[in-house]
Amino acid sequence: MRRTKSIASDAQGFSLVEVLIALVILGVGLLGLARLQLGMLGGTAESVLHDSAIRLAEDKLESMRFELAAGHLPPPGSDEPKAYDVTLQRSWTSSANASGLLEATIIMRWREPRTGEESTLNLPARLGTSQLAAQAWLIQSGAPHREPLP
C-alpha cells in the first residue's frame, strides 16, 4: 500500500484565526496610542492657556512698574483680555507699605475650555521706586567694572 502524505502536515504559514487574533491585538494597541495622543493634546492646550495667563499677569505687572517709575501710584482695576478664544478675567490691586515698596497682587481667572473648571493664578509682587531699584542694583553688583579678556 502506498502512503499519501497529508496536506496539513506539510502546510506552512499562519492560519486565518491566528491572523485575526494578531489584527485584534494590533488594533487595541493602536486605539490605546490614539487615546494617549488625545490626552496629551488636551494637556498641551491647558498648559498653553496657563502660560498665556502668566504672560498677561506679568505684562500688567510691568505696566505697573512703568507707572510707578513715572511717579504715579497704579490704581486698582480689572479687565478681560482674550487668549486663544478664551476670555480671562484679570484684576489687580496695589498699596504702598511703610518701607516705600508697592505691594501689588494680580489675579487671573478663566474657565478651562475642555473641562469647564475655573482656574485661578495669583501673582503677588513688591515693586520699588526707580530710585530704590537703582540703589539695590548698586548694593548687589557694586561699582561697574570690566573683566580682563583671556
Protein backbone atom coordinates (compact mmCIF):
# COMPACT_ATOMS: atom_id res chain seq x y z
CA MET A 1 0.00 0.00 0.00
CA ARG A 2 1.05 3.38 -0.77
CA ARG A 3 1.10 6.05 1.85
CA THR A 4 -0.01 9.51 0.98
CA LYS A 5 1.24 12.48 2.87
CA SER A 6 -1.37 14.61 4.45
CA ILE A 7 -1.55 18.17 3.25
CA ALA A 8 -1.92 19.53 6.78
CA SER A 9 1.46 18.23 7.94
CA ASP A 10 3.32 19.96 5.10
CA ALA A 11 1.46 23.26 5.30
CA GLN A 12 3.48 26.27 6.41
CA GLY A 13 2.35 29.78 7.38
CA PHE A 14 -0.40 31.21 9.53
CA SER A 15 -3.98 30.21 9.81
CA LEU A 16 -6.78 32.71 9.35
CA VAL A 17 -7.59 32.60 13.08
CA GLU A 18 -4.01 33.50 14.03
CA VAL A 19 -4.03 36.45 11.63
CA LEU A 20 -7.35 37.72 13.00
CA ILE A 21 -6.10 37.50 16.61
CA ALA A 22 -2.94 39.41 15.68
CA LEU A 23 -5.04 42.11 13.99
CA VAL A 24 -7.28 42.47 17.06
CA ILE A 25 -4.24 42.84 19.35
CA LEU A 26 -2.70 45.40 16.97
CA GLY A 27 -5.99 47.34 16.79
CA VAL A 28 -6.31 47.51 20.58
CA GLY A 29 -2.74 48.79 20.84
CA LEU A 30 -3.33 51.47 18.20
CA LEU A 31 -6.54 52.61 19.93
CA GLY A 32 -4.61 52.96 23.19
CA LEU A 33 -1.95 55.08 21.45
CA ALA A 34 -4.63 57.29 19.87
CA ARG A 35 -6.27 57.87 23.27
CA LEU A 36 -2.89 58.72 24.79
CA GLN A 37 -2.23 61.20 21.99
CA LEU A 38 -5.60 62.92 22.53
CA GLY A 39 -4.90 63.20 26.26
CA MET A 40 -1.52 64.75 25.57
CA LEU A 41 -3.04 67.29 23.15
CA GLY A 42 -5.58 68.33 25.78
CA GLY A 43 -2.84 68.75 28.38
CA THR A 44 -0.84 70.85 25.94
CA ALA A 45 -3.82 73.15 25.33
CA GLU A 46 -4.26 73.65 29.09
CA SER A 47 -0.56 74.44 29.59
CA VAL A 48 -0.59 76.93 26.69
CA LEU A 49 -3.56 78.72 28.29
CA HIS A 50 -1.83 78.73 31.68
CA ASP A 51 1.30 80.14 30.07
CA SER A 52 -0.77 82.88 28.44
CA ALA A 53 -2.29 83.76 31.82
CA ILE A 54 1.18 84.09 33.34
CA ARG A 55 2.32 86.23 30.41
CA LEU A 56 -0.70 88.54 30.74
CA ALA A 57 -0.20 88.87 34.52
CA GLU A 58 3.49 89.72 34.04
CA ASP A 59 2.52 92.22 31.34
CA LYS A 60 0.24 94.04 33.79
CA LEU A 61 2.94 93.91 36.45
CA GLU A 62 5.38 95.52 34.02
CA SER A 63 2.90 98.32 33.21
CA MET A 64 2.50 98.90 36.97
CA ARG A 65 6.30 99.20 37.21
CA PHE A 66 6.30 101.85 34.49
CA GLU A 67 3.53 103.80 36.23
CA LEU A 68 5.47 103.69 39.49
CA ALA A 69 8.67 104.80 37.73
CA ALA A 70 6.74 107.75 36.28
CA GLY A 71 5.79 108.76 39.82
CA HIS A 72 2.17 107.56 39.75
CA LEU A 73 0.64 105.07 42.17
CA PRO A 74 -1.06 102.47 39.96
CA PRO A 75 -4.80 102.40 40.69
CA PRO A 76 -6.61 99.09 41.25
CA GLY A 77 -8.66 97.78 38.38
CA SER A 78 -9.68 94.90 36.17
CA ASP A 79 -10.06 93.95 32.54
CA GLU A 80 -10.82 90.91 30.38
CA PRO A 81 -8.10 90.07 27.85
CA LYS A 82 -8.57 87.15 25.42
CA ALA A 83 -6.09 84.40 24.70
CA TYR A 84 -6.80 81.55 22.26
CA ASP A 85 -10.53 82.38 22.15
CA VAL A 86 -10.80 82.19 25.95
CA THR A 87 -11.68 85.29 27.97
CA LEU A 88 -9.53 85.70 31.06
CA GLN A 89 -10.53 87.96 33.94
CA ARG A 90 -7.57 89.99 35.22
CA SER A 91 -7.78 92.10 38.37
CA TRP A 92 -5.06 93.94 40.25
CA THR A 93 -4.60 95.85 43.48
CA SER A 94 -1.68 97.82 44.86
CA SER A 95 -0.79 99.55 48.11
CA ALA A 96 2.34 101.23 49.45
CA ASN A 97 3.83 99.78 52.63
CA ALA A 98 5.88 101.52 55.35
CA SER A 99 9.25 100.70 53.72
CA GLY A 100 8.35 102.53 50.50
CA LEU A 101 7.65 99.42 48.45
CA LEU A 102 4.50 98.95 46.44
CA GLU A 103 2.77 95.65 47.18
CA ALA A 104 0.84 94.53 44.13
CA THR A 105 -1.34 91.49 43.52
CA ILE A 106 -2.54 90.38 40.10
CA ILE A 107 -5.24 87.70 39.91
CA MET A 108 -6.10 85.88 36.68
CA ARG A 109 -9.28 83.76 36.39
CA TRP A 110 -10.52 81.70 33.44
CA ARG A 111 -12.55 78.60 32.58
CA GLU A 112 -10.78 75.64 31.01
CA PRO A 113 -12.37 75.00 27.59
CA ARG A 114 -12.26 71.19 27.86
CA THR A 115 -13.38 70.64 31.44
CA GLY A 116 -15.24 73.83 32.30
CA GLU A 117 -13.28 74.12 35.57
CA GLU A 118 -12.40 77.58 36.82
CA SER A 119 -8.66 78.16 37.11
CA THR A 120 -7.00 80.93 39.12
CA LEU A 121 -3.50 82.35 39.01
CA ASN A 122 -2.34 84.68 41.79
CA LEU A 123 0.81 86.77 41.22
CA PRO A 124 1.95 88.79 44.26
CA ALA A 125 4.84 91.22 43.83
CA ARG A 126 6.72 94.00 45.59
CA LEU A 127 7.77 96.90 43.45
CA GLY A 128 10.28 99.57 44.39
CA THR A 129 10.56 103.07 43.05
CA SER A 130 13.17 103.62 40.38
CA GLN A 131 15.43 105.28 42.98
CA LEU A 132 15.18 102.24 45.27
CA ALA A 133 15.79 99.93 42.33
CA ALA A 134 18.95 101.82 41.36
CA GLN A 135 20.24 101.67 44.95
CA ALA A 136 19.53 97.94 45.14
CA TRP A 137 21.42 97.40 41.89
CA LEU A 138 24.46 99.18 43.30
CA ILE A 139 24.30 97.22 46.53
CA GLN A 140 24.01 93.89 44.71
CA SER A 141 26.56 94.37 41.99
CA GLY A 142 28.85 97.12 43.24
CA ALA A 143 30.55 99.61 41.01
CA PRO A 144 30.71 98.69 37.30
CA HIS A 145 34.00 97.11 36.25
CA ARG A 146 35.40 95.25 33.27
CA GLU A 147 36.78 91.80 33.46
CA PRO A 148 40.03 91.23 31.57
CA LEU A 149 39.71 89.28 28.37
CA PRO A 150 41.61 85.97 28.23
